[in-house]
Amino acid sequence: MSLPLFALFLAAFAFGTTEFVIAGILPDVAQGLGVSIPFAGYLVSGYALGIAVGGPFLTMATRHVSRRTILIALTIAFCFGQIACALAPSFVAMLAFRVATAIAHGAYFGIAMVVAVGLVPPAFRGRAVSVILAGLTVSNIIGVPAGAAIGGLWGWRTTFWAMTLVGVLALIAIWALIPQTKAEPQQAGHLGREVRVLGRQQVWTSLIIMLALMIGQMVPFTYITPLLREVTGLDGMIIPWVLLLNGVGATLGVFIGGRLSDWKLMPALIVMLGIQAAILVILYLVSPYPLLMTATIFVWGALNFAIGAPVQARILMWTADAPALASSLIPSGFNIGIAIAAVIGAGLLEGGYGYRSLPVLGAVALALACLVAIFSAAHEKRSGAALPQAAFT
């Protein structure tokens, strides 16, 4: 990993940790702010909404600022957001500070991915994207457990002070290691061009695949703890280790997916989507058997993030001439998928279906994504379309 990519990775790790660490300290936050635990859960959904809605708007509003400058500004915003959360006097204030941080989060990932692919030759774009994704997976393996442990030992506010320190380190790294980039030139009709590139079938089909991937992943994963407890029969003390194994698989998958993207992007994507649909069927079949379930969850985690790299690399490749809006829709698409998955999963459970049914719905979503990928690849081959060239660097 080159030093500039490491700087982008470190900031991605910081943003990923602050998004997910709230789950590990939620009861303490709820008690400290005087609200119920379910009500405190709005801190999670509010963050996702900030990414999905605010990120694209901020990205477009700052498209005439050099990317290095906006990355620095977003990391500074992250640091101030963590300080504000550490000092938050009420739930409403905490929610507002979380949403503000999430807007910076949504803009950061879109811009960081554009910068990352610009730092490497075209043959290594997939691996560059995988480095940014690795920041999210490593945040779940290291950042979230560490943040929860810090909160348990010294109070939940200390968790956000620790996140501030991580943000400062990321800021220093970006300042020192990311090369100066040019601002996007002012051009008439620029916004229209940004919107038009979304009409390329390679782009909108990739966004559909992304949504289906997140639904297939998050419908079961949102309720993975009760699934493992009630269907698999695992002890509550064992479940965190199973989830850790899933996170390790996800981290390996990120780098595998990046390499496959640089090798044969669409064939690799189609095959992985098909395999993942089959894995979710296997997850349903082996869910009563602890050892088989644990092994399957490891493979499932690896494939989830292996698929993410080629999907995102494809969007960036086919919007290289107008990347701002499309790149900002990547984190938005993921978080919209997370929100939809939570609603669908809750609807199934409230409708009388058990936890074991959730992987089946995930398999259907991945099978549909595989069909969309096949259609997209066939259409692209027939059209003979050439990749667009970057308008600026």
Protein backbone atom coordinates (compact mmCIF):
# COMPACT_ATOMS: atom_id res chain seq x y z
CA MET A 1 0.00 0.00 0.00
CA SER A 2 1.48 3.34 -1.06
CA LEU A 3 1.68 6.13 1.51
CA PRO A 4 -0.99 8.34 -0.16
CA LEU A 5 -3.38 5.37 -0.25
CA PHE A 6 -2.58 4.70 3.41
CA ALA A 7 -3.61 8.26 4.26
CA LEU A 8 -6.96 7.73 2.52
CA PHE A 9 -7.32 4.36 4.26
CA LEU A 10 -6.72 5.91 7.69
CA ALA A 11 -9.43 8.54 7.24
CA ALA A 12 -11.81 5.84 5.91
CA PHE A 13 -11.04 3.83 9.05
CA ALA A 14 -11.89 6.84 11.22
CA PHE A 15 -15.20 7.53 9.46
CA GLY A 16 -16.13 3.84 9.47
CA THR A 17 -15.40 3.47 13.17
CA THR A 18 -17.45 6.48 14.22
CA GLU A 19 -20.41 5.24 12.14
CA PHE A 20 -20.52 1.78 13.68
CA VAL A 21 -19.03 2.24 17.15
CA ILE A 22 -22.27 3.79 18.40
CA ALA A 23 -23.81 0.30 18.43
CA GLY A 24 -21.22 -0.86 20.96
CA ILE A 25 -21.87 2.03 23.37
CA LEU A 26 -25.56 2.64 22.67
CA PRO A 27 -26.89 1.66 26.13
CA ASP A 28 -24.40 3.98 27.84
CA VAL A 29 -25.16 6.82 25.42
CA ALA A 30 -28.89 6.36 26.01
CA GLN A 31 -28.43 6.47 29.77
CA GLY A 32 -26.10 9.45 29.60
CA LEU A 33 -28.49 11.47 27.43
CA GLY A 34 -31.63 10.41 29.28
CA VAL A 35 -33.42 8.49 26.51
CA SER A 36 -34.44 4.88 25.96
CA ILE A 37 -32.17 2.50 24.07
CA PRO A 38 -34.63 2.11 21.13
CA PHE A 39 -34.92 5.90 20.87
CA ALA A 40 -31.13 6.21 20.95
CA GLY A 41 -31.12 3.94 17.89
CA TYR A 42 -32.07 7.02 15.85
CA LEU A 43 -28.40 7.98 16.18
CA VAL A 44 -27.69 5.08 13.82
CA SER A 45 -30.46 5.77 11.30
CA GLY A 46 -29.76 9.51 11.43
CA TYR A 47 -26.14 8.89 10.50
CA ALA A 48 -27.15 6.68 7.55
CA LEU A 49 -29.60 9.36 6.37
CA GLY A 50 -26.89 12.03 6.59
CA ILE A 51 -24.60 9.95 4.37
CA ALA A 52 -27.28 9.07 1.84
CA VAL A 53 -28.82 12.52 1.44
CA GLY A 54 -26.22 15.06 2.53
CA GLY A 55 -23.12 13.46 1.01
CA PRO A 56 -24.08 13.95 -2.68
CA PHE A 57 -25.18 17.55 -2.09
CA LEU A 58 -21.93 18.44 -0.35
CA THR A 59 -19.90 16.72 -3.06
CA MET A 60 -21.60 18.69 -5.81
CA ALA A 61 -21.38 21.96 -3.87
CA THR A 62 -17.61 21.59 -3.53
CA ARG A 63 -16.82 20.23 -7.00
CA HIS A 64 -14.82 23.35 -7.90
CA VAL A 65 -12.52 22.94 -4.90
CA SER A 66 -9.39 20.86 -5.35
CA ARG A 67 -9.86 17.33 -4.10
CA ARG A 68 -6.91 17.48 -1.72
CA THR A 69 -8.35 20.62 -0.14
CA ILE A 70 -11.83 19.14 0.29
CA LEU A 71 -10.38 15.92 1.77
CA ILE A 72 -8.52 18.01 4.35
CA ALA A 73 -11.66 20.05 5.08
CA LEU A 74 -13.79 16.91 5.49
CA THR A 75 -11.27 15.37 7.89
CA ILE A 76 -11.23 18.60 9.93
CA ALA A 77 -15.04 18.45 10.00
CA PHE A 78 -14.76 14.87 11.26
CA CYS A 79 -12.50 15.96 14.13
CA PHE A 80 -14.84 18.79 15.15
CA GLY A 81 -17.78 16.38 14.91
CA GLN A 82 -16.14 13.98 17.36
CA ILE A 83 -15.36 16.79 19.80
CA ALA A 84 -18.96 17.99 19.56
CA CYS A 85 -20.31 14.48 20.22
CA ALA A 86 -18.02 14.11 23.23
CA LEU A 87 -19.43 17.34 24.67
CA ALA A 88 -23.06 16.89 23.54
CA PRO A 89 -25.41 18.12 26.31
CA SER A 90 -28.58 16.46 24.98
CA PHE A 91 -29.87 13.80 22.61
CA VAL A 92 -31.02 16.38 20.04
CA ALA A 93 -27.57 17.98 20.01
CA MET A 94 -25.92 14.57 19.71
CA LEU A 95 -28.16 13.64 16.79
CA ALA A 96 -27.39 16.93 15.02
CA PHE A 97 -23.64 16.45 15.48
CA ARG A 98 -23.88 12.86 14.18
CA VAL A 99 -25.82 13.90 11.09
CA ALA A 100 -23.32 16.71 10.36
CA THR A 101 -20.44 14.23 10.63
CA ALA A 102 -22.32 11.80 8.38
CA ILE A 103 -22.63 14.42 5.63
CA ALA A 104 -18.85 14.78 5.67
CA HIS A 105 -18.60 10.97 5.69
CA GLY A 106 -20.75 10.65 2.56
CA ALA A 107 -18.73 13.23 0.66
CA TYR A 108 -15.40 11.80 1.85
CA PHE A 109 -15.82 8.30 0.48
CA GLY A 110 -16.94 9.43 -2.95
CA ILE A 111 -14.08 11.90 -3.32
CA ALA A 112 -11.49 9.58 -1.74
CA MET A 113 -12.29 6.85 -4.26
CA VAL A 114 -11.86 9.25 -7.18
CA VAL A 115 -8.52 10.39 -5.73
CA ALA A 116 -7.45 6.78 -5.07
CA VAL A 117 -8.01 5.63 -8.66
CA GLY A 118 -6.18 8.74 -9.87
CA LEU A 119 -3.13 7.79 -7.82
CA VAL A 120 -2.58 4.46 -9.61
CA PRO A 121 -2.31 3.23 -13.20
CA PRO A 122 -5.60 2.08 -14.79
CA ALA A 123 -4.67 -1.58 -14.29
CA PHE A 124 -4.72 -1.11 -10.50
CA ARG A 125 -7.96 0.83 -10.06
CA GLY A 126 -9.78 -2.06 -8.43
CA ARG A 127 -7.07 -2.48 -5.83
CA ALA A 128 -7.10 1.25 -5.11
CA VAL A 129 -10.85 1.12 -4.41
CA SER A 130 -10.31 -1.95 -2.22
CA VAL A 131 -7.94 0.04 0.00
CA ILE A 132 -10.70 2.55 0.79
CA LEU A 133 -13.15 -0.29 1.45
CA ALA A 134 -10.58 -1.89 3.73
CA GLY A 135 -10.85 1.14 5.97
CA LEU A 136 -14.48 0.19 6.64
CA THR A 137 -13.79 -3.49 7.26
CA VAL A 138 -10.81 -2.86 9.52
CA SER A 139 -12.90 -0.33 11.45
CA ASN A 140 -15.31 -3.15 12.27
CA ILE A 141 -12.54 -5.53 13.30
CA ILE A 142 -10.39 -3.10 15.31
CA GLY A 143 -12.03 0.29 15.65
CA VAL A 144 -15.49 -0.73 16.86
CA PRO A 145 -14.35 -3.25 19.52
CA ALA A 146 -11.63 -0.84 20.70
CA GLY A 147 -14.07 2.07 20.83
CA ALA A 148 -16.59 0.01 22.76
CA ALA A 149 -13.89 -1.13 25.19
CA ILE A 150 -12.74 2.46 25.76
CA GLY A 151 -16.34 3.48 26.41
CA GLY A 152 -16.80 0.61 28.86
CA LEU A 153 -13.67 1.53 30.80
CA TRP A 154 -13.77 5.33 30.84
CA GLY A 155 -17.25 6.30 29.69
CA TRP A 156 -18.85 6.72 26.27
CA ARG A 157 -17.68 10.31 25.85
CA THR A 158 -14.09 9.09 25.99
CA THR A 159 -14.79 7.00 22.89
CA PHE A 160 -15.38 10.18 20.90
CA TRP A 161 -12.25 11.83 22.31
CA ALA A 162 -10.32 8.77 21.12
CA MET A 163 -11.95 9.11 17.69
CA THR A 164 -10.83 12.74 17.62
CA LEU A 165 -7.24 11.57 18.02
CA VAL A 166 -7.64 9.12 15.13
CA GLY A 167 -9.07 11.95 13.05
CA VAL A 168 -6.09 14.19 13.81
CA LEU A 169 -3.70 11.43 12.72
CA ALA A 170 -5.67 10.99 9.49
CA LEU A 171 -5.60 14.76 8.92
CA ILE A 172 -1.83 14.88 9.30
CA ALA A 173 -1.44 11.94 6.92
CA ILE A 174 -3.66 13.48 4.22
CA TRP A 175 -1.96 16.86 4.59
CA ALA A 176 1.50 15.34 4.25
CA LEU A 177 0.95 12.53 1.75
CA ILE A 178 -1.83 13.41 -0.70
CA PRO A 179 -0.43 15.32 -3.69
CA GLN A 180 -1.98 18.60 -4.77
CA THR A 181 -4.89 18.13 -7.15
CA LYS A 182 -6.49 20.51 -9.59
CA ALA A 183 -9.89 22.03 -9.00
CA GLU A 184 -12.56 21.00 -11.44
CA PRO A 185 -12.79 23.64 -14.15
CA GLN A 186 -15.89 25.80 -14.36
CA GLN A 187 -17.80 24.62 -17.39
CA ALA A 188 -21.22 25.45 -18.74
CA GLY A 189 -23.67 22.60 -18.45
CA HIS A 190 -21.44 20.75 -16.02
CA LEU A 191 -24.27 19.60 -13.73
CA GLY A 192 -26.18 18.32 -16.72
CA ARG A 193 -23.16 16.24 -17.75
CA GLU A 194 -22.86 14.83 -14.23
CA VAL A 195 -26.49 13.74 -14.39
CA ARG A 196 -26.21 12.38 -17.95
CA VAL A 197 -23.38 9.99 -17.10
CA LEU A 198 -25.74 8.31 -14.64
CA GLY A 199 -27.76 7.27 -17.67
CA ARG A 200 -24.97 5.02 -18.95
CA GLN A 201 -26.20 1.49 -18.49
CA GLN A 202 -22.93 0.44 -16.86
CA VAL A 203 -23.57 3.04 -14.14
CA TRP A 204 -27.25 2.58 -13.34
CA THR A 205 -27.01 -1.20 -13.50
CA SER A 206 -24.05 -1.07 -11.10
CA LEU A 207 -26.10 1.06 -8.71
CA ILE A 208 -28.91 -1.53 -8.88
CA ILE A 209 -26.39 -4.30 -8.18
CA MET A 210 -25.08 -2.29 -5.22
CA LEU A 211 -28.56 -1.93 -3.73
CA ALA A 212 -29.30 -5.63 -4.21
CA LEU A 213 -25.95 -6.55 -2.67
CA MET A 214 -26.66 -4.49 0.45
CA ILE A 215 -30.17 -5.89 0.78
CA GLY A 216 -28.81 -9.43 0.40
CA GLN A 217 -26.11 -8.73 2.97
CA MET A 218 -27.91 -6.61 5.53
CA VAL A 219 -31.30 -8.36 5.72
CA PRO A 220 -29.61 -11.36 7.43
CA PHE A 221 -26.75 -9.43 9.05
CA THR A 222 -28.98 -6.90 10.82
CA TYR A 223 -30.45 -9.80 12.78
CA ILE A 224 -27.40 -12.07 12.82
CA THR A 225 -27.15 -12.11 16.63
CA PRO A 226 -30.67 -13.44 17.28
CA LEU A 227 -30.27 -15.81 14.31
CA LEU A 228 -27.11 -17.28 15.82
CA ARG A 229 -28.64 -17.39 19.30
CA GLU A 230 -32.10 -18.78 18.52
CA VAL A 231 -31.55 -20.89 15.40
CA THR A 232 -27.90 -21.96 15.67
CA GLY A 233 -27.99 -22.16 19.46
CA LEU A 234 -24.73 -20.33 20.10
CA ASP A 235 -23.95 -18.91 23.51
CA GLY A 236 -23.97 -15.12 23.71
CA MET A 237 -20.27 -15.11 24.62
CA ILE A 238 -19.38 -16.99 21.42
CA ILE A 239 -21.29 -14.76 19.00
CA PRO A 240 -18.80 -11.83 19.07
CA TRP A 241 -16.05 -14.20 17.99
CA VAL A 242 -18.17 -15.43 15.09
CA LEU A 243 -18.78 -11.83 14.07
CA LEU A 244 -15.04 -11.15 14.34
CA LEU A 245 -14.45 -14.07 11.98
CA ASN A 246 -16.96 -12.53 9.59
CA GLY A 247 -15.01 -9.26 9.76
CA VAL A 248 -11.72 -11.03 9.04
CA GLY A 249 -13.34 -12.65 6.01
CA ALA A 250 -14.62 -9.24 4.90
CA THR A 251 -11.13 -7.74 5.09
CA LEU A 252 -9.66 -10.56 3.02
CA GLY A 253 -12.53 -10.23 0.59
CA VAL A 254 -11.83 -6.54 -0.02
CA PHE A 255 -8.36 -7.24 -1.36
CA ILE A 256 -9.44 -10.34 -3.28
CA GLY A 257 -12.21 -8.32 -4.92
CA GLY A 258 -9.78 -5.55 -5.81
CA ARG A 259 -7.44 -7.95 -7.58
CA LEU A 260 -10.30 -9.66 -9.42
CA SER A 261 -11.53 -6.22 -10.55
CA ASP A 262 -8.16 -5.50 -12.12
CA TRP A 263 -8.10 -8.93 -13.77
CA LYS A 264 -11.55 -9.59 -15.29
CA LEU A 265 -14.04 -7.18 -13.75
CA MET A 266 -17.42 -8.27 -15.15
CA PRO A 267 -16.79 -12.04 -15.34
CA ALA A 268 -15.49 -11.94 -11.76
CA LEU A 269 -18.48 -9.89 -10.61
CA ILE A 270 -21.01 -12.22 -12.23
CA VAL A 271 -19.38 -15.33 -10.79
CA MET A 272 -19.12 -13.84 -7.29
CA LEU A 273 -22.76 -12.73 -7.31
CA GLY A 274 -23.84 -16.24 -8.31
CA ILE A 275 -21.67 -17.85 -5.66
CA GLN A 276 -22.92 -15.44 -3.01
CA ALA A 277 -26.55 -16.31 -3.83
CA ALA A 278 -25.62 -19.97 -3.35
CA ILE A 279 -23.80 -19.17 -0.09
CA LEU A 280 -26.94 -17.55 1.31
CA VAL A 281 -28.91 -20.69 0.46
CA ILE A 282 -26.23 -22.71 2.26
CA LEU A 283 -26.49 -20.28 5.18
CA TYR A 284 -30.19 -21.16 5.44
CA LEU A 285 -29.49 -24.89 5.23
CA VAL A 286 -26.66 -25.02 7.79
CA SER A 287 -28.06 -22.46 10.26
CA PRO A 288 -28.92 -25.14 12.89
CA TYR A 289 -25.34 -26.50 12.88
CA PRO A 290 -22.80 -24.32 14.75
CA LEU A 291 -19.55 -25.35 13.05
CA LEU A 292 -20.95 -25.31 9.52
CA MET A 293 -22.73 -22.02 10.22
CA THR A 294 -19.52 -20.41 11.50
CA ALA A 295 -17.53 -21.50 8.45
CA THR A 296 -20.28 -20.29 6.09
CA ILE A 297 -20.43 -16.89 7.80
CA PHE A 298 -16.70 -16.45 7.20
CA VAL A 299 -17.09 -17.14 3.46
CA TRP A 300 -20.22 -14.97 3.34
CA GLY A 301 -18.35 -12.02 4.85
CA ALA A 302 -15.47 -12.41 2.42
CA LEU A 303 -17.74 -12.43 -0.62
CA ASN A 304 -19.83 -9.47 0.56
CA PHE A 305 -16.86 -7.14 0.43
CA ALA A 306 -15.15 -8.85 -2.49
CA ILE A 307 -18.20 -7.95 -4.59
CA GLY A 308 -18.20 -4.35 -3.38
CA ALA A 309 -14.83 -3.52 -4.94
CA PRO A 310 -15.65 -4.35 -8.59
CA VAL A 311 -19.07 -2.68 -8.39
CA GLN A 312 -17.56 0.58 -7.18
CA ALA A 313 -14.59 0.38 -9.53
CA ARG A 314 -17.01 -0.03 -12.45
CA ILE A 315 -18.98 3.06 -11.50
CA LEU A 316 -15.78 5.11 -11.24
CA MET A 317 -14.44 3.78 -14.54
CA TRP A 318 -17.60 4.65 -16.48
CA THR A 319 -17.96 8.12 -14.95
CA ALA A 320 -14.32 9.18 -15.22
CA ASP A 321 -15.27 12.20 -17.36
CA ALA A 322 -17.80 13.47 -14.76
CA PRO A 323 -17.20 11.61 -11.51
CA ALA A 324 -18.40 13.97 -8.76
CA LEU A 325 -22.09 13.08 -8.53
CA ALA A 326 -21.66 9.40 -9.36
CA SER A 327 -18.88 8.91 -6.80
CA SER A 328 -20.98 10.55 -4.10
CA LEU A 329 -23.84 8.18 -4.88
CA ILE A 330 -21.68 5.17 -3.98
CA PRO A 331 -21.87 5.64 -0.18
CA SER A 332 -25.46 6.86 -0.61
CA GLY A 333 -26.36 3.64 -2.40
CA PHE A 334 -24.82 1.52 0.32
CA ASN A 335 -26.65 3.35 3.08
CA ILE A 336 -29.98 3.38 1.26
CA GLY A 337 -29.54 -0.37 0.86
CA ILE A 338 -28.88 -0.68 4.60
CA ALA A 339 -32.04 1.28 5.40
CA ILE A 340 -34.17 -0.76 2.99
CA ALA A 341 -32.75 -4.02 4.36
CA ALA A 342 -33.64 -3.07 7.93
CA VAL A 343 -37.23 -2.29 6.92
CA ILE A 344 -37.62 -5.48 4.86
CA GLY A 345 -36.14 -7.64 7.60
CA ALA A 346 -38.39 -6.10 10.24
CA GLY A 347 -41.42 -6.60 7.98
CA LEU A 348 -40.63 -10.28 7.49
CA LEU A 349 -40.18 -10.88 11.20
CA GLU A 350 -43.33 -8.98 12.11
CA GLY A 351 -45.18 -10.98 9.44
CA GLY A 352 -44.42 -14.21 11.28
CA TYR A 353 -41.39 -15.40 9.34
CA GLY A 354 -38.51 -16.56 11.50
CA TYR A 355 -34.90 -15.43 11.55
CA ARG A 356 -33.96 -18.44 9.45
CA SER A 357 -35.97 -17.07 6.50
CA LEU A 358 -33.81 -13.96 6.16
CA PRO A 359 -30.91 -15.57 4.20
CA VAL A 360 -33.46 -16.86 1.67
CA LEU A 361 -34.54 -13.32 0.84
CA GLY A 362 -30.86 -12.39 0.62
CA ALA A 363 -30.30 -15.19 -1.89
CA VAL A 364 -33.15 -13.89 -4.06
CA ALA A 365 -31.68 -10.37 -4.01
CA LEU A 366 -28.23 -11.65 -5.03
CA ALA A 367 -29.68 -13.84 -7.79
CA LEU A 368 -31.46 -10.80 -9.24
CA ALA A 369 -28.21 -8.83 -9.02
CA CYS A 370 -26.43 -11.61 -10.91
CA LEU A 371 -29.04 -11.44 -13.69
CA VAL A 372 -28.65 -7.65 -13.90
CA ALA A 373 -24.86 -8.06 -14.16
CA ILE A 374 -25.23 -10.61 -16.97
CA PHE A 375 -27.57 -8.29 -18.86
CA SER A 376 -25.24 -5.34 -18.37
CA ALA A 377 -22.13 -7.23 -19.53
CA ALA A 378 -23.93 -8.54 -22.62
CA HIS A 379 -25.23 -5.09 -23.53
CA GLU A 380 -21.79 -3.56 -23.05
CA LYS A 381 -20.21 -6.18 -25.31
CA ARG A 382 -22.80 -5.62 -28.04
CA SER A 383 -22.48 -1.85 -27.93
CA GLY A 384 -18.68 -1.85 -28.02
CA ALA A 385 -18.65 1.30 -25.87
CA ALA A 386 -15.23 2.66 -24.91
CA LEU A 387 -14.33 3.79 -21.41
CA PRO A 388 -14.46 7.57 -20.97
CA GLN A 389 -11.29 9.49 -20.31
CA ALA A 390 -10.87 11.55 -17.15
CA ALA A 391 -11.61 15.21 -17.79
CA PHE A 392 -9.05 16.38 -15.21
CA THR A 393 -6.76 14.99 -12.54
